[in-house]
Amino acid sequence: MKRRTAIPLVQPREIGLSDAVVLTNAKIVDHLTPSAQELFAAAKSLNLSISQGTTSVQLLLDEVRNCISQEIRK
């Protein structure tokens, strides 16, 4: 994961892709469990809602508690 910033330096042909492929926005990310993916999606959604002023902080805290308690039960 230390070399993930070097991904755009890879030549597409080196990894079996066409020269027309652009890797400037390519990224390598750590694997996330399905529950972690759900948590990040919920956090992103709530962050957007908060930035638009449509969600209270209490709702955010309730959602985080819910996700954490579901994770603990697994």
Protein backbone atom coordinates (compact mmCIF):
# COMPACT_ATOMS: atom_id res chain seq x y z
CA MET A 1 0.00 0.00 0.00
CA LYS A 2 3.00 2.28 0.38
CA ARG A 3 3.39 2.46 -3.40
CA ARG A 4 -0.20 3.30 -4.24
CA THR A 5 0.78 6.84 -5.24
CA ALA A 6 2.95 5.38 -8.02
CA ILE A 7 -0.01 3.76 -9.80
CA PRO A 8 -0.42 6.61 -12.33
CA LEU A 9 3.22 6.07 -13.33
CA VAL A 10 2.51 2.54 -14.58
CA GLN A 11 2.38 2.21 -18.34
CA PRO A 12 -0.94 0.61 -19.39
CA ARG A 13 0.79 -1.78 -21.78
CA GLU A 14 2.92 -3.14 -18.89
CA ILE A 15 -0.20 -4.55 -17.26
CA GLY A 16 -1.91 -5.78 -20.40
CA LEU A 17 -4.06 -2.74 -21.17
CA SER A 18 -4.32 -0.68 -24.33
CA ASP A 19 -2.13 2.41 -24.70
CA ALA A 20 -5.37 4.41 -24.88
CA VAL A 21 -6.09 3.66 -21.20
CA VAL A 22 -5.37 6.59 -18.89
CA LEU A 23 -4.27 5.70 -15.37
CA THR A 24 -3.94 9.21 -13.93
CA ASN A 25 -6.94 8.69 -11.64
CA ALA A 26 -6.30 5.01 -10.92
CA LYS A 27 -6.05 4.06 -7.26
CA ILE A 28 -5.40 1.02 -5.14
CA VAL A 29 -7.41 0.84 -1.95
CA ASP A 30 -7.42 -1.50 1.00
CA HIS A 31 -10.06 -4.22 0.93
CA LEU A 32 -13.09 -3.25 2.96
CA THR A 33 -15.53 -5.73 4.43
CA PRO A 34 -19.13 -5.28 3.31
CA SER A 35 -20.03 -3.81 6.69
CA ALA A 36 -17.16 -1.31 6.48
CA GLN A 37 -18.33 -0.36 2.99
CA GLU A 38 -21.83 0.25 4.36
CA LEU A 39 -20.42 2.35 7.19
CA PHE A 40 -18.40 4.50 4.77
CA ALA A 41 -21.40 4.91 2.47
CA ALA A 42 -23.59 5.95 5.41
CA ALA A 43 -20.94 8.37 6.64
CA LYS A 44 -20.57 9.90 3.18
CA SER A 45 -24.33 10.26 2.83
CA LEU A 46 -24.67 11.83 6.26
CA ASN A 47 -21.72 14.13 5.64
CA LEU A 48 -23.43 15.37 2.48
CA SER A 49 -26.69 15.86 4.37
CA ILE A 50 -24.94 17.78 7.14
CA SER A 51 -23.09 19.99 4.67
CA GLN A 52 -26.45 20.80 3.08
CA GLY A 53 -27.93 21.47 6.52
CA THR A 54 -30.57 18.74 6.30
CA THR A 55 -29.34 16.36 9.00
CA SER A 56 -28.85 16.92 12.71
CA VAL A 57 -25.76 15.89 14.63
CA GLN A 58 -27.94 13.62 16.75
CA LEU A 59 -29.00 11.69 13.67
CA LEU A 60 -25.36 11.30 12.72
CA LEU A 61 -24.48 9.97 16.18
CA ASP A 62 -27.40 7.55 16.11
CA GLU A 63 -26.30 6.20 12.73
CA VAL A 64 -22.70 5.73 13.90
CA ARG A 65 -23.87 3.93 17.07
CA ASN A 66 -26.10 1.68 14.99
CA CYS A 67 -23.27 0.73 12.61
CA ILE A 68 -20.85 0.09 15.48
CA SER A 69 -23.32 -2.08 17.38
CA GLN A 70 -24.01 -4.13 14.24
CA GLU A 71 -20.28 -4.60 13.75
CA ILE A 72 -19.81 -5.73 17.36
CA ARG A 73 -22.57 -8.34 17.04
CA LYS A 74 -20.75 -10.05 14.15
